[in-house]
Amino acid sequence: MNRRTLLGGLFAAASVPALAACSSGITSLDGGGSAGGGGGSSKDGVTIGTANFTENQVLGFLYAAVLEAAGVKTKVRPNLGTREILIPALKGGDIDLLPEYQGALLHYLSPKAEATEEGEMQNALAMALPVGLQVLPYGMAEDSDAFVVTQETADKYGLSSLADLKKENGKLVIGAAPEVKKREVGAVGLKDVYGVEFKEFKSLDSSGPLVKGALKKGDVDVANLFTTDTDIVANKWVVLTDPKNLIPGQHIVPLIADRKADSTVRKALAELGNVLTTADLTELNRQVDKDKKDPEDVANAYAKEKGLTK
């Protein structure tokens, strides 16, 4: 199915202006990445889009839960695809808000960006974002990319870091979502920063059943997963270290259109950001992936448990 067709009929939605200081985020970005930040209104509702993996869907429903509790009507469009689809949809008005990741978003917008500290990345994002979009305060929770091998593969080739992969150039197969082949935090960066060249790139999914199944069966030697994926610990897989800091920090950050950025939305999302931890996010992922619970049910239960909703 062409994912772009999923975006055609999305209704316009809502966002929010800047908030006073919050312990986990940068709050001085009134204008975000746009020339005329602020001045939006969420009174007609907010449409929230999510990427096509479990965690982002959970985050989208968490955003909806706290916004609804604040009196904002919401609509969630989950599983729409990658940034290549989501960012144009946000700019074009098909969606109004989406959960993002600081470092990954920055490298998407500015592939050669060198900022790695959270505050620096937030400021860099403000400069790199297209007119009409802004980032709100980032939260405590963080989820980074990880390049993972089985213990057997680590032992066989003596792998403990990304730098070690160069020793086996032309021998190993990597599995990841298709877009990782062309991303700096992916095959491009692994070659540029570490000199790594793979025998083959297999296009699979984002820390999902396809790539993890391929790693288990030995169809790929290296898999691109997320650090909040509970299968890493459960299977005793080895996360290769990153001595040259190819992978930037990845605090969760709301990306929103100026047209919806009002104080109601800002306050609700900042409250969530100050409550949700990396450990919480990992557990929510587990409930969906392992316990087979519905992402919306998991998000709503968490929001209620933490007093974010009634």
C-alpha atoms as a PDB file:
ATOM      1  CA  MET A   1       0.000   0.000   0.000  1.00  0.00           C
ATOM      2  CA  ASN A   2       1.185   3.504  -0.798  1.00  0.00           C
ATOM      3  CA  ARG A   3       1.452   5.111   2.644  1.00  0.00           C
ATOM      4  CA  ARG A   4       0.967   8.560   1.145  1.00  0.00           C
ATOM      5  CA  THR A   5      -2.640   7.674   0.400  1.00  0.00           C
ATOM      6  CA  LEU A   6      -3.213   7.251   4.121  1.00  0.00           C
ATOM      7  CA  LEU A   7      -2.522  10.911   4.669  1.00  0.00           C
ATOM      8  CA  GLY A   8      -4.943  12.351   2.187  1.00  0.00           C
ATOM      9  CA  GLY A   9      -7.974  12.902   4.373  1.00  0.00           C
ATOM     10  CA  LEU A  10      -6.507  13.856   7.716  1.00  0.00           C
ATOM     11  CA  PHE A  11      -8.316  16.739   9.385  1.00  0.00           C
ATOM     12  CA  ALA A  12      -6.442  19.782  10.685  1.00  0.00           C
ATOM     13  CA  ALA A  13      -5.525  19.736  14.383  1.00  0.00           C
ATOM     14  CA  ALA A  14      -3.974  21.607  17.329  1.00  0.00           C
ATOM     15  CA  SER A  15      -0.748  22.632  19.077  1.00  0.00           C
ATOM     16  CA  VAL A  16       0.670  25.176  21.623  1.00  0.00           C
ATOM     17  CA  PRO A  17       2.966  28.169  22.656  1.00  0.00           C
ATOM     18  CA  ALA A  18       5.879  28.287  25.099  1.00  0.00           C
ATOM     19  CA  LEU A  19       5.857  27.269  28.714  1.00  0.00           C
ATOM     20  CA  ALA A  20       7.861  28.317  31.749  1.00  0.00           C
ATOM     21  CA  ALA A  21      10.914  26.294  32.704  1.00  0.00           C
ATOM     22  CA  CYS A  22      10.546  22.553  33.033  1.00  0.00           C
ATOM     23  CA  SER A  23      13.157  20.370  34.646  1.00  0.00           C
ATOM     24  CA  SER A  24      13.846  18.101  31.701  1.00  0.00           C
ATOM     25  CA  GLY A  25      13.475  20.368  28.691  1.00  0.00           C
ATOM     26  CA  ILE A  26      14.560  23.474  26.883  1.00  0.00           C
ATOM     27  CA  THR A  27      11.779  26.028  27.085  1.00  0.00           C
ATOM     28  CA  SER A  28      13.244  29.135  25.526  1.00  0.00           C
ATOM     29  CA  LEU A  29      12.350  28.202  21.950  1.00  0.00           C
ATOM     30  CA  ASP A  30       9.174  30.253  21.552  1.00  0.00           C
ATOM     31  CA  GLY A  31       9.501  30.279  17.810  1.00  0.00           C
ATOM     32  CA  GLY A  32      10.829  26.740  17.457  1.00  0.00           C
ATOM     33  CA  GLY A  33      12.183  26.484  13.942  1.00  0.00           C
ATOM     34  CA  SER A  34       9.824  28.950  12.383  1.00  0.00           C
ATOM     35  CA  ALA A  35       9.879  32.629  11.706  1.00  0.00           C
ATOM     36  CA  GLY A  36       6.584  33.283  13.409  1.00  0.00           C
ATOM     37  CA  GLY A  37       6.320  30.737  16.227  1.00  0.00           C
ATOM     38  CA  GLY A  38       3.473  30.866  18.704  1.00  0.00           C
ATOM     39  CA  GLY A  39       0.059  32.292  18.027  1.00  0.00           C
ATOM     40  CA  GLY A  40      -1.526  28.958  17.214  1.00  0.00           C
ATOM     41  CA  SER A  41      -4.772  27.550  18.519  1.00  0.00           C
ATOM     42  CA  SER A  42      -5.829  24.035  19.466  1.00  0.00           C
ATOM     43  CA  LYS A  43      -9.536  24.858  19.798  1.00  0.00           C
ATOM     44  CA  ASP A  44     -10.406  22.919  16.629  1.00  0.00           C
ATOM     45  CA  GLY A  45      -8.460  19.854  17.749  1.00  0.00           C
ATOM     46  CA  VAL A  46      -5.081  18.262  17.037  1.00  0.00           C
ATOM     47  CA  THR A  47      -4.259  15.443  14.649  1.00  0.00           C
ATOM     48  CA  ILE A  48      -1.320  13.372  15.886  1.00  0.00           C
ATOM     49  CA  GLY A  49       0.689  11.278  13.458  1.00  0.00           C
ATOM     50  CA  THR A  50       3.098   8.480  14.343  1.00  0.00           C
ATOM     51  CA  ALA A  51       5.820   6.516  12.637  1.00  0.00           C
ATOM     52  CA  ASN A  52       5.488   2.835  11.817  1.00  0.00           C
ATOM     53  CA  PHE A  53       6.914   1.241  14.956  1.00  0.00           C
ATOM     54  CA  THR A  54       5.520   0.343  18.369  1.00  0.00           C
ATOM     55  CA  GLU A  55       7.121   2.984  20.547  1.00  0.00           C
ATOM     56  CA  ASN A  56       6.149   5.907  18.363  1.00  0.00           C
ATOM     57  CA  GLN A  57       2.565   4.695  18.311  1.00  0.00           C
ATOM     58  CA  VAL A  58       2.531   4.461  22.115  1.00  0.00           C
ATOM     59  CA  LEU A  59       3.909   7.999  22.325  1.00  0.00           C
ATOM     60  CA  GLY A  60       1.261   9.258  19.930  1.00  0.00           C
ATOM     61  CA  PHE A  61      -1.508   7.829  22.104  1.00  0.00           C
ATOM     62  CA  LEU A  62       0.170   9.258  25.213  1.00  0.00           C
ATOM     63  CA  TYR A  63       0.128  12.683  23.569  1.00  0.00           C
ATOM     64  CA  ALA A  64      -3.558  12.188  22.800  1.00  0.00           C
ATOM     65  CA  ALA A  65      -4.364  11.130  26.367  1.00  0.00           C
ATOM     66  CA  VAL A  66      -2.800  14.166  28.023  1.00  0.00           C
ATOM     67  CA  LEU A  67      -4.201  16.575  25.454  1.00  0.00           C
ATOM     68  CA  GLU A  68      -7.711  15.168  25.843  1.00  0.00           C
ATOM     69  CA  ALA A  69      -7.333  15.565  29.618  1.00  0.00           C
ATOM     70  CA  ALA A  70      -6.457  19.207  29.001  1.00  0.00           C
ATOM     71  CA  GLY A  71      -9.638  19.679  26.971  1.00  0.00           C
ATOM     72  CA  VAL A  72      -8.143  19.388  23.478  1.00  0.00           C
ATOM     73  CA  LYS A  73      -9.960  17.202  20.966  1.00  0.00           C
ATOM     74  CA  THR A  74      -7.505  14.796  19.309  1.00  0.00           C
ATOM     75  CA  LYS A  75      -7.288  12.318  16.488  1.00  0.00           C
ATOM     76  CA  VAL A  76      -4.416   9.835  16.172  1.00  0.00           C
ATOM     77  CA  ARG A  77      -3.200   8.570  12.806  1.00  0.00           C
ATOM     78  CA  PRO A  78      -0.777   5.789  13.755  1.00  0.00           C
ATOM     79  CA  ASN A  79       1.699   3.883  11.625  1.00  0.00           C
ATOM     80  CA  LEU A  80       1.936   6.421   8.794  1.00  0.00           C
ATOM     81  CA  GLY A  81       5.537   5.646   7.892  1.00  0.00           C
ATOM     82  CA  THR A  82       8.915   7.364   8.087  1.00  0.00           C
ATOM     83  CA  ARG A  83      10.026  11.005   8.349  1.00  0.00           C
ATOM     84  CA  GLU A  84      10.081  11.171   4.580  1.00  0.00           C
ATOM     85  CA  ILE A  85       6.277  10.944   4.794  1.00  0.00           C
ATOM     86  CA  LEU A  86       5.598  12.463   8.219  1.00  0.00           C
ATOM     87  CA  ILE A  87       7.478  15.749   7.883  1.00  0.00           C
ATOM     88  CA  PRO A  88       5.796  16.754   4.599  1.00  0.00           C
ATOM     89  CA  ALA A  89       2.444  15.731   6.113  1.00  0.00           C
ATOM     90  CA  LEU A  90       3.113  17.976   9.107  1.00  0.00           C
ATOM     91  CA  LYS A  91       4.133  20.887   6.915  1.00  0.00           C
ATOM     92  CA  GLY A  92       1.160  20.395   4.634  1.00  0.00           C
ATOM     93  CA  GLY A  93      -1.480  20.257   7.365  1.00  0.00           C
ATOM     94  CA  ASP A  94      -2.433  16.577   7.147  1.00  0.00           C
ATOM     95  CA  ILE A  95      -1.164  16.140  10.704  1.00  0.00           C
ATOM     96  CA  ASP A  96      -0.293  18.699  13.377  1.00  0.00           C
ATOM     97  CA  LEU A  97       1.915  16.950  15.914  1.00  0.00           C
ATOM     98  CA  LEU A  98       4.220  13.955  16.104  1.00  0.00           C
ATOM     99  CA  PRO A  99       6.580  12.376  18.646  1.00  0.00           C
ATOM    100  CA  GLU A 100      10.186  12.816  17.557  1.00  0.00           C
ATOM    101  CA  TYR A 101      13.727  12.031  18.701  1.00  0.00           C
ATOM    102  CA  GLN A 102      16.223  14.869  19.021  1.00  0.00           C
ATOM    103  CA  GLY A 103      19.303  13.447  17.362  1.00  0.00           C
ATOM    104  CA  ALA A 104      17.553  11.493  14.644  1.00  0.00           C
ATOM    105  CA  LEU A 105      15.411  14.469  13.665  1.00  0.00           C
ATOM    106  CA  LEU A 106      18.409  16.792  13.642  1.00  0.00           C
ATOM    107  CA  HIS A 107      20.402  14.462  11.391  1.00  0.00           C
ATOM    108  CA  TYR A 108      17.422  14.099   9.085  1.00  0.00           C
ATOM    109  CA  LEU A 109      17.201  17.880   8.705  1.00  0.00           C
ATOM    110  CA  SER A 110      20.936  18.583   8.834  1.00  0.00           C
ATOM    111  CA  PRO A 111      22.954  15.398   8.127  1.00  0.00           C
ATOM    112  CA  LYS A 112      26.316  16.938   9.025  1.00  0.00           C
ATOM    113  CA  ALA A 113      25.176  18.512  12.297  1.00  0.00           C
ATOM    114  CA  GLU A 114      27.738  18.060  15.070  1.00  0.00           C
ATOM    115  CA  ALA A 115      25.659  18.915  18.160  1.00  0.00           C
ATOM    116  CA  THR A 116      25.402  16.011  20.630  1.00  0.00           C
ATOM    117  CA  GLU A 117      24.409  17.622  23.961  1.00  0.00           C
ATOM    118  CA  GLU A 118      20.661  17.926  24.526  1.00  0.00           C
ATOM    119  CA  GLY A 119      20.526  21.714  24.798  1.00  0.00           C
ATOM    120  CA  GLU A 120      22.803  22.175  21.786  1.00  0.00           C
ATOM    121  CA  MET A 121      20.677  19.818  19.727  1.00  0.00           C
ATOM    122  CA  GLN A 122      17.498  21.633  20.733  1.00  0.00           C
ATOM    123  CA  ASN A 123      18.969  24.926  19.581  1.00  0.00           C
ATOM    124  CA  ALA A 124      20.282  23.338  16.379  1.00  0.00           C
ATOM    125  CA  LEU A 125      16.826  21.926  15.689  1.00  0.00           C
ATOM    126  CA  ALA A 126      15.299  25.369  16.106  1.00  0.00           C
ATOM    127  CA  MET A 127      17.597  26.626  13.370  1.00  0.00           C
ATOM    128  CA  ALA A 128      17.159  23.630  11.052  1.00  0.00           C
ATOM    129  CA  LEU A 129      13.380  23.188  11.128  1.00  0.00           C
ATOM    130  CA  PRO A 130      11.319  24.390   8.166  1.00  0.00           C
ATOM    131  CA  VAL A 131       9.250  27.544   8.599  1.00  0.00           C
ATOM    132  CA  GLY A 132       5.974  26.721  10.302  1.00  0.00           C
ATOM    133  CA  LEU A 133       7.287  23.955  12.561  1.00  0.00           C
ATOM    134  CA  GLN A 134       8.759  24.002  16.063  1.00  0.00           C
ATOM    135  CA  VAL A 135      10.060  21.652  18.720  1.00  0.00           C
ATOM    136  CA  LEU A 136       8.604  21.814  22.215  1.00  0.00           C
ATOM    137  CA  PRO A 137      10.584  21.041  25.407  1.00  0.00           C
ATOM    138  CA  TYR A 138      12.209  17.615  25.281  1.00  0.00           C
ATOM    139  CA  GLY A 139      11.351  15.059  27.934  1.00  0.00           C
ATOM    140  CA  MET A 140      13.336  12.823  30.257  1.00  0.00           C
ATOM    141  CA  ALA A 141      12.750   9.651  28.224  1.00  0.00           C
ATOM    142  CA  GLU A 142      15.346   8.744  25.639  1.00  0.00           C
ATOM    143  CA  ASP A 143      15.603   6.057  22.973  1.00  0.00           C
ATOM    144  CA  SER A 144      18.673   5.767  20.773  1.00  0.00           C
ATOM    145  CA  ASP A 145      19.585   3.697  17.770  1.00  0.00           C
ATOM    146  CA  ALA A 146      21.739   0.670  18.508  1.00  0.00           C
ATOM    147  CA  PHE A 147      23.658  -1.707  16.260  1.00  0.00           C
ATOM    148  CA  VAL A 148      23.338  -5.169  17.709  1.00  0.00           C
ATOM    149  CA  VAL A 149      24.859  -8.598  17.134  1.00  0.00           C
ATOM    150  CA  THR A 150      24.255 -11.960  18.739  1.00  0.00           C
ATOM    151  CA  GLN A 151      26.717 -13.174  21.336  1.00  0.00           C
ATOM    152  CA  GLU A 152      27.771 -15.904  18.908  1.00  0.00           C
ATOM    153  CA  THR A 153      28.595 -13.364  16.201  1.00  0.00           C
ATOM    154  CA  ALA A 154      30.416 -11.143  18.689  1.00  0.00           C
ATOM    155  CA  ASP A 155      32.564 -14.083  19.777  1.00  0.00           C
ATOM    156  CA  LYS A 156      33.188 -15.333  16.230  1.00  0.00           C
ATOM    157  CA  TYR A 157      34.446 -12.002  14.881  1.00  0.00           C
ATOM    158  CA  GLY A 158      35.677 -10.337  18.062  1.00  0.00           C
ATOM    159  CA  LEU A 159      33.081  -7.569  17.940  1.00  0.00           C
ATOM    160  CA  SER A 160      32.463  -5.176  20.803  1.00  0.00           C
ATOM    161  CA  SER A 161      32.339  -1.772  19.081  1.00  0.00           C
ATOM    162  CA  LEU A 162      31.297  -0.290  15.773  1.00  0.00           C
ATOM    163  CA  ALA A 163      34.969   0.213  14.986  1.00  0.00           C
ATOM    164  CA  ASP A 164      35.480  -3.571  15.068  1.00  0.00           C
ATOM    165  CA  LEU A 165      33.135  -4.048  12.111  1.00  0.00           C
ATOM    166  CA  LYS A 166      35.751  -2.646   9.729  1.00  0.00           C
ATOM    167  CA  LYS A 167      37.885  -5.753  10.281  1.00  0.00           C
ATOM    168  CA  GLU A 168      35.171  -7.778   8.559  1.00  0.00           C
ATOM    169  CA  ASN A 169      34.472  -5.453   5.617  1.00  0.00           C
ATOM    170  CA  GLY A 170      32.601  -7.194   2.833  1.00  0.00           C
ATOM    171  CA  LYS A 171      31.663 -10.181   4.991  1.00  0.00           C
ATOM    172  CA  LEU A 172      28.741  -9.137   7.181  1.00  0.00           C
ATOM    173  CA  VAL A 173      25.068  -8.527   6.385  1.00  0.00           C
ATOM    174  CA  ILE A 174      23.173  -5.713   8.100  1.00  0.00           C
ATOM    175  CA  GLY A 175      19.412  -5.631   8.590  1.00  0.00           C
ATOM    176  CA  ALA A 176      17.451  -2.416   9.194  1.00  0.00           C
ATOM    177  CA  ALA A 177      14.541  -0.322   8.026  1.00  0.00           C
ATOM    178  CA  PRO A 178      15.000   0.713   4.353  1.00  0.00           C
ATOM    179  CA  GLU A 179      15.701   4.373   5.146  1.00  0.00           C
ATOM    180  CA  VAL A 180      18.693   3.439   7.337  1.00  0.00           C
ATOM    181  CA  LYS A 181      20.636   2.606   4.159  1.00  0.00           C
ATOM    182  CA  LYS A 182      20.774   6.312   3.280  1.00  0.00           C
ATOM    183  CA  ARG A 183      20.983   7.887   6.727  1.00  0.00           C
ATOM    184  CA  GLU A 184      23.962   9.306   8.565  1.00  0.00           C
ATOM    185  CA  VAL A 185      22.969   7.337  11.663  1.00  0.00           C
ATOM    186  CA  GLY A 186      23.038   4.222   9.529  1.00  0.00           C
ATOM    187  CA  ALA A 187      25.014   2.759   6.639  1.00  0.00           C
ATOM    188  CA  VAL A 188      26.249   6.154   5.438  1.00  0.00           C
ATOM    189  CA  GLY A 189      27.653   7.175   8.814  1.00  0.00           C
ATOM    190  CA  LEU A 190      29.092   3.739   9.526  1.00  0.00           C
ATOM    191  CA  LYS A 191      31.106   4.030   6.320  1.00  0.00           C
ATOM    192  CA  ASP A 192      32.078   7.692   6.734  1.00  0.00           C
ATOM    193  CA  VAL A 193      32.929   7.564  10.437  1.00  0.00           C
ATOM    194  CA  TYR A 194      34.117   3.989  10.926  1.00  0.00           C
ATOM    195  CA  GLY A 195      35.042   2.867   7.404  1.00  0.00           C
ATOM    196  CA  VAL A 196      32.575  -0.021   7.566  1.00  0.00           C
ATOM    197  CA  GLU A 197      31.322  -1.682   4.387  1.00  0.00           C
ATOM    198  CA  PHE A 198      28.801  -4.515   4.484  1.00  0.00           C
ATOM    199  CA  LYS A 199      28.382  -7.463   2.176  1.00  0.00           C
ATOM    200  CA  GLU A 200      24.674  -6.709   1.920  1.00  0.00           C
ATOM    201  CA  PHE A 201      22.000  -4.394   3.308  1.00  0.00           C
ATOM    202  CA  LYS A 202      18.676  -6.141   3.943  1.00  0.00           C
ATOM    203  CA  SER A 203      15.657  -3.840   4.089  1.00  0.00           C
ATOM    204  CA  LEU A 204      13.464  -5.051   6.948  1.00  0.00           C
ATOM    205  CA  ASP A 205      11.675  -3.028   9.672  1.00  0.00           C
ATOM    206  CA  SER A 206      12.367  -0.622  12.548  1.00  0.00           C
ATOM    207  CA  SER A 207      13.334  -2.710  15.589  1.00  0.00           C
ATOM    208  CA  GLY A 208      10.452  -5.000  14.671  1.00  0.00           C
ATOM    209  CA  PRO A 209       9.756  -8.705  14.175  1.00  0.00           C
ATOM    210  CA  LEU A 210      11.369  -8.901  10.736  1.00  0.00           C
ATOM    211  CA  VAL A 211      14.798  -7.575  11.680  1.00  0.00           C
ATOM    212  CA  LYS A 212      14.841  -9.349  15.047  1.00  0.00           C
ATOM    213  CA  GLY A 213      13.743 -12.614  13.452  1.00  0.00           C
ATOM    214  CA  ALA A 214      16.491 -12.287  10.844  1.00  0.00           C
ATOM    215  CA  LEU A 215      19.075 -11.693  13.575  1.00  0.00           C
ATOM    216  CA  LYS A 216      17.912 -14.754  15.502  1.00  0.00           C
ATOM    217  CA  LYS A 217      18.018 -16.981  12.419  1.00  0.00           C
ATOM    218  CA  GLY A 218      21.392 -15.675  11.277  1.00  0.00           C
ATOM    219  CA  ASP A 219      20.028 -14.131   8.087  1.00  0.00           C
ATOM    220  CA  VAL A 220      21.677 -10.865   9.159  1.00  0.00           C
ATOM    221  CA  ASP A 221      24.794 -10.421  11.257  1.00  0.00           C
ATOM    222  CA  VAL A 222      24.116  -6.870  12.470  1.00  0.00           C
ATOM    223  CA  ALA A 223      20.703  -5.402  13.262  1.00  0.00           C
ATOM    224  CA  ASN A 224      19.670  -1.799  13.809  1.00  0.00           C
ATOM    225  CA  LEU A 225      17.405  -1.790  16.899  1.00  0.00           C
ATOM    226  CA  PHE A 226      16.308   0.735  19.512  1.00  0.00           C
ATOM    227  CA  THR A 227      17.820   0.830  22.989  1.00  0.00           C
ATOM    228  CA  THR A 228      14.372   0.600  24.603  1.00  0.00           C
ATOM    229  CA  ASP A 229      13.723  -2.740  22.856  1.00  0.00           C
ATOM    230  CA  THR A 230      13.352  -5.358  25.603  1.00  0.00           C
ATOM    231  CA  ASP A 231      14.419  -8.149  23.227  1.00  0.00           C
ATOM    232  CA  ILE A 232      18.032  -6.952  23.456  1.00  0.00           C
ATOM    233  CA  VAL A 233      18.341  -7.995  27.092  1.00  0.00           C
ATOM    234  CA  ALA A 234      15.989 -10.966  26.760  1.00  0.00           C
ATOM    235  CA  ASN A 235      18.120 -12.510  24.003  1.00  0.00           C
ATOM    236  CA  LYS A 236      21.450 -11.416  25.514  1.00  0.00           C
ATOM    237  CA  TRP A 237      22.356  -9.604  22.313  1.00  0.00           C
ATOM    238  CA  VAL A 238      25.446  -7.406  22.252  1.00  0.00           C
ATOM    239  CA  VAL A 239      25.040  -3.680  21.643  1.00  0.00           C
ATOM    240  CA  LEU A 240      28.165  -2.462  19.846  1.00  0.00           C
ATOM    241  CA  THR A 241      29.678   0.560  21.527  1.00  0.00           C
ATOM    242  CA  ASP A 242      30.083   3.847  19.647  1.00  0.00           C
ATOM    243  CA  PRO A 243      33.528   5.280  20.522  1.00  0.00           C
ATOM    244  CA  LYS A 244      33.342   8.008  17.864  1.00  0.00           C
ATOM    245  CA  ASN A 245      29.856   9.165  18.868  1.00  0.00           C
ATOM    246  CA  LEU A 246      28.148   8.526  15.551  1.00  0.00           C
ATOM    247  CA  ILE A 247      24.803   8.098  17.341  1.00  0.00           C
ATOM    248  CA  PRO A 248      23.546  11.316  18.994  1.00  0.00           C
ATOM    249  CA  GLY A 249      21.339  11.582  22.062  1.00  0.00           C
ATOM    250  CA  GLN A 250      17.691  10.840  21.411  1.00  0.00           C
ATOM    251  CA  HIS A 251      15.438  12.472  23.989  1.00  0.00           C
ATOM    252  CA  ILE A 252      11.774  12.353  23.048  1.00  0.00           C
ATOM    253  CA  VAL A 253      10.653  15.736  21.722  1.00  0.00           C
ATOM    254  CA  PRO A 254       7.271  16.852  20.376  1.00  0.00           C
ATOM    255  CA  LEU A 255       7.406  18.314  16.864  1.00  0.00           C
ATOM    256  CA  ILE A 256       4.433  20.539  16.191  1.00  0.00           C
ATOM    257  CA  ALA A 257       3.051  22.945  13.610  1.00  0.00           C
ATOM    258  CA  ASP A 258       2.960  26.606  14.657  1.00  0.00           C
ATOM    259  CA  ARG A 259      -0.714  26.758  13.689  1.00  0.00           C
ATOM    260  CA  LYS A 260      -1.603  24.560  16.674  1.00  0.00           C
ATOM    261  CA  ALA A 261       1.068  25.629  19.156  1.00  0.00           C
ATOM    262  CA  ASP A 262      -0.835  27.184  22.057  1.00  0.00           C
ATOM    263  CA  SER A 263      -0.164  27.156  25.793  1.00  0.00           C
ATOM    264  CA  THR A 264      -2.673  24.384  26.511  1.00  0.00           C
ATOM    265  CA  VAL A 265      -0.839  21.930  24.293  1.00  0.00           C
ATOM    266  CA  ARG A 266       2.591  23.035  25.484  1.00  0.00           C
ATOM    267  CA  LYS A 267       1.697  22.608  29.128  1.00  0.00           C
ATOM    268  CA  ALA A 268       0.109  19.177  28.692  1.00  0.00           C
ATOM    269  CA  LEU A 269       3.026  17.774  26.693  1.00  0.00           C
ATOM    270  CA  ALA A 270       5.612  19.286  29.056  1.00  0.00           C
ATOM    271  CA  GLU A 271       3.889  17.587  32.005  1.00  0.00           C
ATOM    272  CA  LEU A 272       4.100  14.250  30.191  1.00  0.00           C
ATOM    273  CA  GLY A 273       7.766  14.866  29.359  1.00  0.00           C
ATOM    274  CA  ASN A 274       8.557  15.460  33.018  1.00  0.00           C
ATOM    275  CA  VAL A 275       6.906  12.181  34.064  1.00  0.00           C
ATOM    276  CA  LEU A 276       7.756   9.650  31.338  1.00  0.00           C
ATOM    277  CA  THR A 277      11.147   7.994  31.883  1.00  0.00           C
ATOM    278  CA  THR A 278      13.234   5.750  29.652  1.00  0.00           C
ATOM    279  CA  ALA A 279      12.433   2.800  31.929  1.00  0.00           C
ATOM    280  CA  ASP A 280       8.714   3.589  31.648  1.00  0.00           C
ATOM    281  CA  LEU A 281       8.931   3.727  27.865  1.00  0.00           C
ATOM    282  CA  THR A 282      10.777   0.414  27.719  1.00  0.00           C
ATOM    283  CA  GLU A 283       8.060  -1.214  29.834  1.00  0.00           C
ATOM    284  CA  LEU A 284       5.283   0.220  27.676  1.00  0.00           C
ATOM    285  CA  ASN A 285       7.010  -1.178  24.591  1.00  0.00           C
ATOM    286  CA  ARG A 286       7.196  -4.574  26.274  1.00  0.00           C
ATOM    287  CA  GLN A 287       3.498  -4.593  27.037  1.00  0.00           C
ATOM    288  CA  VAL A 288       2.687  -4.030  23.374  1.00  0.00           C
ATOM    289  CA  ASP A 289       5.349  -6.254  21.789  1.00  0.00           C
ATOM    290  CA  LYS A 290       5.374  -9.106  24.292  1.00  0.00           C
ATOM    291  CA  ASP A 291       1.996  -9.017  26.020  1.00  0.00           C
ATOM    292  CA  LYS A 292       0.285  -8.097  22.729  1.00  0.00           C
ATOM    293  CA  LYS A 293      -1.677  -5.254  24.302  1.00  0.00           C
ATOM    294  CA  ASP A 294      -3.147  -2.449  22.241  1.00  0.00           C
ATOM    295  CA  PRO A 295      -0.882   0.661  22.108  1.00  0.00           C
ATOM    296  CA  GLU A 296      -3.784   2.981  22.892  1.00  0.00           C
ATOM    297  CA  ASP A 297      -4.863   0.910  25.902  1.00  0.00           C
ATOM    298  CA  VAL A 298      -1.284   0.803  27.199  1.00  0.00           C
ATOM    299  CA  ALA A 299      -0.886   4.566  26.816  1.00  0.00           C
ATOM    300  CA  ASN A 300      -4.203   5.354  28.487  1.00  0.00           C
ATOM    301  CA  ALA A 301      -3.491   3.049  31.426  1.00  0.00           C
ATOM    302  CA  TYR A 302      -0.072   4.643  31.991  1.00  0.00           C
ATOM    303  CA  ALA A 303      -1.430   8.185  31.794  1.00  0.00           C
ATOM    304  CA  LYS A 304      -4.105   7.359  34.353  1.00  0.00           C
ATOM    305  CA  GLU A 305      -1.649   5.555  36.658  1.00  0.00           C
ATOM    306  CA  LYS A 306       0.651   8.586  36.671  1.00  0.00           C
ATOM    307  CA  GLY A 307      -2.163  11.031  37.386  1.00  0.00           C
ATOM    308  CA  LEU A 308      -1.919  12.682  33.968  1.00  0.00           C
ATOM    309  CA  THR A 309      -5.558  11.841  33.262  1.00  0.00           C
ATOM    310  CA  LYS A 310      -8.572  11.024  35.407  1.00  0.00           C
END
